[in-house]
Structures are given as structure tokens and as C-alpha cells.
Amino acid sequence: NLTSMNGAGKVTIETGKVTLVDFWATWCGPCQKSFPKYQELYVKYKASGFEIAAVSVDDDDKKSAIPGFAKEYGAKFPVGWDEGHKIADCFKPPGMPSAFLIDKKGVVRMIHEGYRGEADAKELEEKIKSLL
């Protein structure tokens, strides 16, 4: 559990929900493109049991930029900071951003590295729908 830095509740993985755990950073260009799309998916599927846990791997000196980034790129889903990269060390994201899609039982069903636009969003959405 991480405290949300954008006032959107806890950054957590709950059993019974399909959760997109997104590892990102304020210096990551593709993250600027993925956030608005993830917000769209969040609005579309939240009522069906979809949740997002956005985990920033920024270093201490960039921590203060996290709330502004979330606001600028329209994230209303929970955004937290991974102090000391404790969570990232467990998941071992292959790059920035990396999205881990976790099913209702807590099993990782998809790992998606990078964000290249609409095709990636479509692929994620299809997988989310299949797990809800």
C-alpha cells in the first residue's frame, strides 16, 4: 500500500479487482501519453471492478514533481511514490513505463513494456475486458 500523492485513495492491489500496476517516472516521455489513456480506461471500467495503481520510481529529488505530473496528464487514479524502489524491486519492471495487469486472484496476466500509442492501449483494453 502506498499513500496516493494526488488525493485519489490508496495505491493498492485488491483481491477481487483487476488492477493495472503501472511503473512510471516524471522523466518518461511515453508516460505522458499513457496517463490520459489509462484515465480513459479507468473511467470506462472502474464500475466493473477495474483499478489502477500508478507507481512512480522517481528518485527523492524528483518526488515533488509527481502530483503536478499526475494533474498535468489528467490522472484521477491513485498515483504513489515508490520510496527506495521497494515495490519495483519486487516486480522488476523491464523499462519505463511498464504495466502489469493483475487478475482478481492476484495473478499477473500480462506485462506490457513501453507505451507506443493507440495499438498498445487497444491491446491493454482487450486484456482488461477479458479479465473483468
N, C-alpha and C. Protein backbone atom coordinates (compact mmCIF):
# COMPACT_ATOMS: atom_id res chain seq x y z
N ASN A 1 0.83 -1.20 0.00
CA ASN A 1 0.00 0.00 0.00
C ASN A 1 0.87 1.26 0.00
N LEU A 2 0.59 2.15 -0.92
CA LEU A 2 1.26 3.44 -0.93
C LEU A 2 0.20 4.51 -0.72
N THR A 3 0.58 5.60 -0.09
CA THR A 3 -0.34 6.72 0.02
C THR A 3 -0.38 7.42 -1.31
N SER A 4 -1.55 7.76 -1.75
CA SER A 4 -1.71 8.47 -3.01
C SER A 4 -1.16 9.89 -2.88
N MET A 5 -0.45 10.33 -3.90
CA MET A 5 0.10 11.68 -3.89
C MET A 5 -0.80 12.65 -4.65
N ASN A 6 -1.90 12.15 -5.20
CA ASN A 6 -2.81 13.04 -5.92
C ASN A 6 -4.22 12.98 -5.33
N GLY A 7 -4.30 12.53 -4.06
CA GLY A 7 -5.57 12.55 -3.35
C GLY A 7 -6.61 11.59 -3.88
N ALA A 8 -6.17 10.51 -4.53
CA ALA A 8 -7.12 9.59 -5.16
C ALA A 8 -7.21 8.24 -4.44
N GLY A 9 -7.07 8.24 -3.13
CA GLY A 9 -7.17 6.98 -2.39
C GLY A 9 -5.86 6.22 -2.36
N LYS A 10 -5.89 5.02 -1.83
CA LYS A 10 -4.67 4.21 -1.69
C LYS A 10 -4.23 3.62 -3.03
N VAL A 11 -2.93 3.51 -3.19
CA VAL A 11 -2.35 2.81 -4.33
C VAL A 11 -2.17 1.38 -3.85
N THR A 12 -3.06 0.50 -4.29
CA THR A 12 -3.07 -0.85 -3.73
C THR A 12 -3.56 -1.88 -4.73
N ILE A 13 -3.29 -3.14 -4.45
CA ILE A 13 -3.80 -4.25 -5.26
C ILE A 13 -4.80 -4.99 -4.38
N GLU A 14 -6.06 -4.99 -4.80
CA GLU A 14 -7.10 -5.64 -4.02
C GLU A 14 -7.56 -6.92 -4.70
N THR A 15 -7.71 -7.98 -3.91
CA THR A 15 -8.29 -9.20 -4.44
C THR A 15 -9.71 -8.90 -4.87
N GLY A 16 -10.13 -9.50 -5.98
CA GLY A 16 -11.48 -9.26 -6.47
C GLY A 16 -11.56 -8.13 -7.48
N LYS A 17 -10.43 -7.44 -7.70
CA LYS A 17 -10.38 -6.38 -8.71
C LYS A 17 -9.30 -6.70 -9.73
N VAL A 18 -9.52 -6.25 -10.95
CA VAL A 18 -8.48 -6.34 -11.97
C VAL A 18 -7.68 -5.05 -11.85
N THR A 19 -6.38 -5.16 -11.63
CA THR A 19 -5.56 -3.98 -11.36
C THR A 19 -4.43 -3.83 -12.37
N LEU A 20 -4.31 -2.62 -12.89
CA LEU A 20 -3.18 -2.28 -13.74
C LEU A 20 -2.16 -1.59 -12.84
N VAL A 21 -1.03 -2.26 -12.61
CA VAL A 21 0.05 -1.66 -11.83
C VAL A 21 1.01 -1.05 -12.85
N ASP A 22 1.07 0.27 -12.85
CA ASP A 22 1.87 0.99 -13.84
C ASP A 22 3.10 1.59 -13.18
N PHE A 23 4.28 1.14 -13.62
CA PHE A 23 5.53 1.74 -13.14
C PHE A 23 5.91 2.83 -14.12
N TRP A 24 6.12 4.04 -13.60
CA TRP A 24 6.36 5.19 -14.45
C TRP A 24 7.30 6.16 -13.74
N ALA A 25 7.66 7.23 -14.44
CA ALA A 25 8.52 8.26 -13.86
C ALA A 25 8.23 9.60 -14.53
N THR A 26 8.48 10.68 -13.82
CA THR A 26 8.18 12.01 -14.36
C THR A 26 9.04 12.35 -15.57
N TRP A 27 10.22 11.71 -15.68
CA TRP A 27 11.12 12.00 -16.81
C TRP A 27 10.81 11.14 -18.04
N CYS A 28 9.80 10.31 -17.95
CA CYS A 28 9.49 9.33 -19.01
C CYS A 28 8.49 9.92 -20.02
N GLY A 29 8.95 10.16 -21.24
CA GLY A 29 8.11 10.72 -22.30
C GLY A 29 6.87 9.90 -22.61
N PRO A 30 6.99 8.57 -22.83
CA PRO A 30 5.82 7.76 -23.13
C PRO A 30 4.77 7.78 -22.00
N CYS A 31 5.20 8.02 -20.76
CA CYS A 31 4.27 8.08 -19.63
C CYS A 31 3.29 9.24 -19.79
N GLN A 32 3.75 10.32 -20.44
CA GLN A 32 2.89 11.48 -20.68
C GLN A 32 1.73 11.08 -21.59
N LYS A 33 1.99 10.14 -22.50
CA LYS A 33 0.95 9.68 -23.44
C LYS A 33 0.06 8.61 -22.81
N SER A 34 0.64 7.79 -21.95
CA SER A 34 -0.12 6.67 -21.38
C SER A 34 -1.12 7.15 -20.32
N PHE A 35 -0.78 8.17 -19.54
CA PHE A 35 -1.65 8.60 -18.45
C PHE A 35 -3.06 8.98 -18.91
N PRO A 36 -3.22 9.82 -19.95
CA PRO A 36 -4.58 10.15 -20.38
C PRO A 36 -5.36 8.92 -20.85
N LYS A 37 -4.69 7.98 -21.49
CA LYS A 37 -5.36 6.76 -21.96
C LYS A 37 -5.75 5.89 -20.78
N TYR A 38 -4.86 5.76 -19.80
CA TYR A 38 -5.19 4.97 -18.61
C TYR A 38 -6.36 5.60 -17.87
N GLN A 39 -6.43 6.93 -17.85
CA GLN A 39 -7.55 7.61 -17.20
C GLN A 39 -8.86 7.27 -17.91
N GLU A 40 -8.80 7.21 -19.23
CA GLU A 40 -9.96 6.84 -20.04
C GLU A 40 -10.44 5.42 -19.68
N LEU A 41 -9.50 4.50 -19.59
CA LEU A 41 -9.82 3.11 -19.24
C LEU A 41 -10.36 3.03 -17.81
N TYR A 42 -9.78 3.83 -16.92
CA TYR A 42 -10.20 3.87 -15.52
C TYR A 42 -11.67 4.28 -15.41
N VAL A 43 -12.02 5.36 -16.12
CA VAL A 43 -13.40 5.86 -16.11
C VAL A 43 -14.35 4.81 -16.71
N LYS A 44 -13.91 4.18 -17.78
CA LYS A 44 -14.74 3.23 -18.52
C LYS A 44 -15.02 1.95 -17.73
N TYR A 45 -14.02 1.45 -16.98
CA TYR A 45 -14.14 0.12 -16.36
C TYR A 45 -14.12 0.09 -14.83
N LYS A 46 -13.95 1.25 -14.18
CA LYS A 46 -13.88 1.28 -12.71
C LYS A 46 -15.11 0.64 -12.07
N ALA A 47 -16.28 0.96 -12.58
CA ALA A 47 -17.53 0.42 -12.02
C ALA A 47 -17.62 -1.10 -12.16
N SER A 48 -16.86 -1.65 -13.12
CA SER A 48 -16.87 -3.11 -13.34
C SER A 48 -15.81 -3.83 -12.51
N GLY A 49 -15.05 -3.07 -11.69
CA GLY A 49 -14.04 -3.70 -10.84
C GLY A 49 -12.62 -3.53 -11.33
N PHE A 50 -12.36 -2.49 -12.14
CA PHE A 50 -11.01 -2.22 -12.63
C PHE A 50 -10.37 -1.12 -11.78
N GLU A 51 -9.11 -1.31 -11.44
CA GLU A 51 -8.40 -0.33 -10.62
C GLU A 51 -7.01 -0.10 -11.23
N ILE A 52 -6.47 1.06 -10.97
CA ILE A 52 -5.11 1.38 -11.41
C ILE A 52 -4.28 1.76 -10.19
N ALA A 53 -3.06 1.23 -10.15
CA ALA A 53 -2.10 1.61 -9.12
C ALA A 53 -0.87 2.12 -9.87
N ALA A 54 -0.73 3.44 -9.95
CA ALA A 54 0.40 4.03 -10.67
C ALA A 54 1.53 4.27 -9.68
N VAL A 55 2.67 3.63 -9.94
CA VAL A 55 3.79 3.64 -9.00
C VAL A 55 4.97 4.38 -9.62
N SER A 56 5.27 5.55 -9.06
CA SER A 56 6.40 6.34 -9.57
C SER A 56 7.70 5.80 -9.01
N VAL A 57 8.69 5.61 -9.90
CA VAL A 57 10.01 5.15 -9.46
C VAL A 57 11.01 6.31 -9.46
N ASP A 58 10.47 7.52 -9.41
CA ASP A 58 11.34 8.70 -9.37
C ASP A 58 12.23 8.67 -8.13
N ASP A 59 13.43 9.26 -8.25
CA ASP A 59 14.32 9.38 -7.10
C ASP A 59 13.81 10.50 -6.18
N ASP A 60 14.39 10.56 -4.98
CA ASP A 60 13.97 11.51 -3.95
C ASP A 60 13.87 12.95 -4.47
N ASP A 61 14.85 13.36 -5.27
CA ASP A 61 14.88 14.75 -5.72
C ASP A 61 13.77 15.10 -6.71
N LYS A 62 13.10 14.09 -7.25
CA LYS A 62 12.02 14.33 -8.21
C LYS A 62 10.63 14.08 -7.60
N LYS A 63 10.61 13.62 -6.36
CA LYS A 63 9.36 13.27 -5.70
C LYS A 63 8.33 14.40 -5.75
N SER A 64 8.78 15.63 -5.57
CA SER A 64 7.87 16.77 -5.52
C SER A 64 7.18 17.04 -6.86
N ALA A 65 7.71 16.50 -7.95
CA ALA A 65 7.13 16.72 -9.29
C ALA A 65 5.97 15.76 -9.58
N ILE A 66 5.79 14.73 -8.75
CA ILE A 66 4.79 13.69 -9.03
C ILE A 66 3.35 14.22 -9.06
N PRO A 67 2.88 14.96 -8.03
CA PRO A 67 1.50 15.44 -8.08
C PRO A 67 1.21 16.32 -9.30
N GLY A 68 2.16 17.17 -9.66
CA GLY A 68 2.00 18.05 -10.82
C GLY A 68 1.90 17.28 -12.11
N PHE A 69 2.72 16.22 -12.23
CA PHE A 69 2.69 15.38 -13.43
C PHE A 69 1.32 14.70 -13.55
N ALA A 70 0.84 14.16 -12.45
CA ALA A 70 -0.45 13.47 -12.45
C ALA A 70 -1.56 14.43 -12.87
N LYS A 71 -1.51 15.65 -12.35
CA LYS A 71 -2.52 16.65 -12.68
C LYS A 71 -2.42 17.07 -14.15
N GLU A 72 -1.20 17.34 -14.59
CA GLU A 72 -0.99 17.82 -15.96
C GLU A 72 -1.48 16.81 -17.00
N TYR A 73 -1.29 15.52 -16.71
CA TYR A 73 -1.65 14.48 -17.68
C TYR A 73 -2.96 13.78 -17.35
N GLY A 74 -3.76 14.41 -16.47
CA GLY A 74 -5.15 14.01 -16.27
C GLY A 74 -5.41 12.77 -15.45
N ALA A 75 -4.44 12.35 -14.63
CA ALA A 75 -4.62 11.13 -13.83
C ALA A 75 -5.47 11.39 -12.60
N LYS A 76 -6.65 10.75 -12.56
CA LYS A 76 -7.51 10.83 -11.37
C LYS A 76 -7.45 9.50 -10.61
N PHE A 77 -6.71 8.54 -11.17
CA PHE A 77 -6.50 7.25 -10.49
C PHE A 77 -5.38 7.42 -9.46
N PRO A 78 -5.28 6.49 -8.49
CA PRO A 78 -4.26 6.63 -7.44
C PRO A 78 -2.82 6.59 -7.99
N VAL A 79 -2.06 7.61 -7.62
CA VAL A 79 -0.67 7.73 -8.04
C VAL A 79 0.18 7.83 -6.78
N GLY A 80 1.16 6.94 -6.65
CA GLY A 80 2.01 6.94 -5.47
C GLY A 80 3.49 6.92 -5.81
N TRP A 81 4.31 7.10 -4.80
CA TRP A 81 5.76 7.15 -4.97
C TRP A 81 6.38 5.94 -4.29
N ASP A 82 7.23 5.24 -5.03
CA ASP A 82 7.89 4.04 -4.54
C ASP A 82 9.23 4.41 -3.91
N GLU A 83 9.19 4.82 -2.66
CA GLU A 83 10.41 5.25 -1.96
C GLU A 83 11.41 4.10 -1.88
N GLY A 84 12.63 4.37 -2.35
CA GLY A 84 13.67 3.35 -2.32
C GLY A 84 13.44 2.20 -3.29
N HIS A 85 12.48 2.36 -4.19
CA HIS A 85 12.18 1.35 -5.23
C HIS A 85 11.83 -0.02 -4.65
N LYS A 86 11.21 -0.04 -3.47
CA LYS A 86 10.87 -1.32 -2.82
C LYS A 86 9.88 -2.15 -3.64
N ILE A 87 8.88 -1.49 -4.21
CA ILE A 87 7.87 -2.21 -4.99
C ILE A 87 8.46 -2.62 -6.34
N ALA A 88 9.18 -1.71 -6.96
CA ALA A 88 9.82 -2.02 -8.24
C ALA A 88 10.78 -3.20 -8.10
N ASP A 89 11.45 -3.30 -6.97
CA ASP A 89 12.37 -4.42 -6.76
C ASP A 89 11.63 -5.75 -6.74
N CYS A 90 10.38 -5.75 -6.31
CA CYS A 90 9.57 -6.98 -6.30
C CYS A 90 9.09 -7.32 -7.71
N PHE A 91 8.62 -6.32 -8.45
CA PHE A 91 8.05 -6.55 -9.77
C PHE A 91 9.11 -6.62 -10.88
N LYS A 92 10.23 -5.92 -10.67
CA LYS A 92 11.30 -5.83 -11.66
C LYS A 92 10.79 -5.36 -13.03
N PRO A 93 10.25 -4.14 -13.10
CA PRO A 93 9.76 -3.65 -14.40
C PRO A 93 10.90 -3.59 -15.41
N PRO A 94 10.66 -4.09 -16.65
CA PRO A 94 11.71 -4.13 -17.66
C PRO A 94 12.11 -2.77 -18.22
N GLY A 95 11.27 -1.77 -18.08
CA GLY A 95 11.58 -0.43 -18.60
C GLY A 95 10.52 0.54 -18.14
N MET A 96 10.57 1.77 -18.64
CA MET A 96 9.58 2.77 -18.27
C MET A 96 8.78 3.17 -19.50
N PRO A 97 7.47 3.20 -19.45
CA PRO A 97 6.66 2.62 -18.39
C PRO A 97 6.55 1.12 -18.55
N SER A 98 6.18 0.43 -17.49
CA SER A 98 5.84 -0.99 -17.55
C SER A 98 4.52 -1.19 -16.83
N ALA A 99 3.59 -1.82 -17.53
CA ALA A 99 2.27 -2.07 -16.96
C ALA A 99 2.11 -3.55 -16.68
N PHE A 100 1.76 -3.87 -15.45
CA PHE A 100 1.49 -5.25 -15.04
C PHE A 100 -0.01 -5.36 -14.82
N LEU A 101 -0.67 -6.24 -15.57
CA LEU A 101 -2.11 -6.42 -15.41
C LEU A 101 -2.34 -7.63 -14.52
N ILE A 102 -3.01 -7.39 -13.39
CA ILE A 102 -3.20 -8.41 -12.36
C ILE A 102 -4.67 -8.78 -12.28
N ASP A 103 -4.96 -10.09 -12.30
CA ASP A 103 -6.36 -10.53 -12.28
C ASP A 103 -6.95 -10.49 -10.87
N LYS A 104 -8.21 -10.89 -10.75
CA LYS A 104 -8.94 -10.79 -9.48
C LYS A 104 -8.35 -11.67 -8.38
N LYS A 105 -7.57 -12.65 -8.78
CA LYS A 105 -6.96 -13.55 -7.78
C LYS A 105 -5.54 -13.09 -7.40
N GLY A 106 -5.07 -12.02 -8.04
CA GLY A 106 -3.74 -11.51 -7.72
C GLY A 106 -2.64 -12.07 -8.59
N VAL A 107 -3.02 -12.69 -9.71
CA VAL A 107 -2.03 -13.29 -10.62
C VAL A 107 -1.71 -12.31 -11.75
N VAL A 108 -0.41 -12.12 -12.03
CA VAL A 108 -0.01 -11.26 -13.14
C VAL A 108 -0.35 -11.97 -14.45
N ARG A 109 -1.21 -11.34 -15.26
CA ARG A 109 -1.66 -11.95 -16.51
C ARG A 109 -1.02 -11.34 -17.74
N MET A 110 -0.39 -10.17 -17.57
CA MET A 110 0.23 -9.52 -18.72
C MET A 110 1.26 -8.51 -18.22
N ILE A 111 2.39 -8.47 -18.90
CA ILE A 111 3.39 -7.44 -18.61
C ILE A 111 3.61 -6.70 -19.93
N HIS A 112 3.36 -5.41 -19.90
CA HIS A 112 3.48 -4.63 -21.13
C HIS A 112 4.53 -3.55 -20.92
N GLU A 113 5.61 -3.64 -21.67
CA GLU A 113 6.69 -2.65 -21.55
C GLU A 113 6.52 -1.55 -22.57
N GLY A 114 6.72 -0.31 -22.13
CA GLY A 114 6.65 0.83 -23.03
C GLY A 114 5.22 1.26 -23.29
N TYR A 115 5.09 2.33 -24.05
CA TYR A 115 3.78 2.78 -24.48
C TYR A 115 3.97 3.49 -25.80
N ARG A 116 3.43 2.88 -26.85
CA ARG A 116 3.65 3.40 -28.19
C ARG A 116 2.35 3.93 -28.82
N GLY A 117 1.32 4.13 -28.02
CA GLY A 117 0.12 4.74 -28.57
C GLY A 117 -1.09 3.84 -28.64
N GLU A 118 -1.94 4.11 -29.60
CA GLU A 118 -3.27 3.51 -29.70
C GLU A 118 -3.27 1.98 -29.73
N ALA A 119 -2.33 1.38 -30.45
CA ALA A 119 -2.29 -0.09 -30.53
C ALA A 119 -2.05 -0.71 -29.15
N ASP A 120 -1.16 -0.10 -28.39
CA ASP A 120 -0.89 -0.59 -27.03
C ASP A 120 -2.12 -0.45 -26.15
N ALA A 121 -2.80 0.69 -26.28
CA ALA A 121 -4.00 0.95 -25.48
C ALA A 121 -5.08 -0.08 -25.80
N LYS A 122 -5.22 -0.39 -27.08
CA LYS A 122 -6.23 -1.36 -27.54
C LYS A 122 -5.93 -2.74 -26.96
N GLU A 123 -4.67 -3.14 -27.03
CA GLU A 123 -4.24 -4.44 -26.51
C GLU A 123 -4.53 -4.54 -25.00
N LEU A 124 -4.19 -3.50 -24.28
CA LEU A 124 -4.46 -3.47 -22.84
C LEU A 124 -5.96 -3.54 -22.55
N GLU A 125 -6.73 -2.78 -23.31
CA GLU A 125 -8.17 -2.75 -23.08
C GLU A 125 -8.80 -4.11 -23.32
N GLU A 126 -8.38 -4.78 -24.38
CA GLU A 126 -8.91 -6.12 -24.68
C GLU A 126 -8.62 -7.09 -23.53
N LYS A 127 -7.40 -7.01 -23.00
CA LYS A 127 -7.00 -7.89 -21.91
C LYS A 127 -7.78 -7.55 -20.63
N ILE A 128 -7.97 -6.27 -20.36
CA ILE A 128 -8.73 -5.84 -19.19
C ILE A 128 -10.15 -6.40 -19.28
N LYS A 129 -10.78 -6.21 -20.44
CA LYS A 129 -12.17 -6.70 -20.64
C LYS A 129 -12.26 -8.20 -20.42
N SER A 130 -11.25 -8.94 -20.89
CA SER A 130 -11.29 -10.40 -20.75
C SER A 130 -11.16 -10.86 -19.31
N LEU A 131 -10.57 -10.01 -18.45
CA LEU A 131 -10.35 -10.39 -17.04
C LEU A 131 -11.46 -9.91 -16.11
N LEU A 132 -12.25 -8.93 -16.54
CA LEU A 132 -13.31 -8.40 -15.67
C LEU A 132 -14.48 -9.38 -15.53
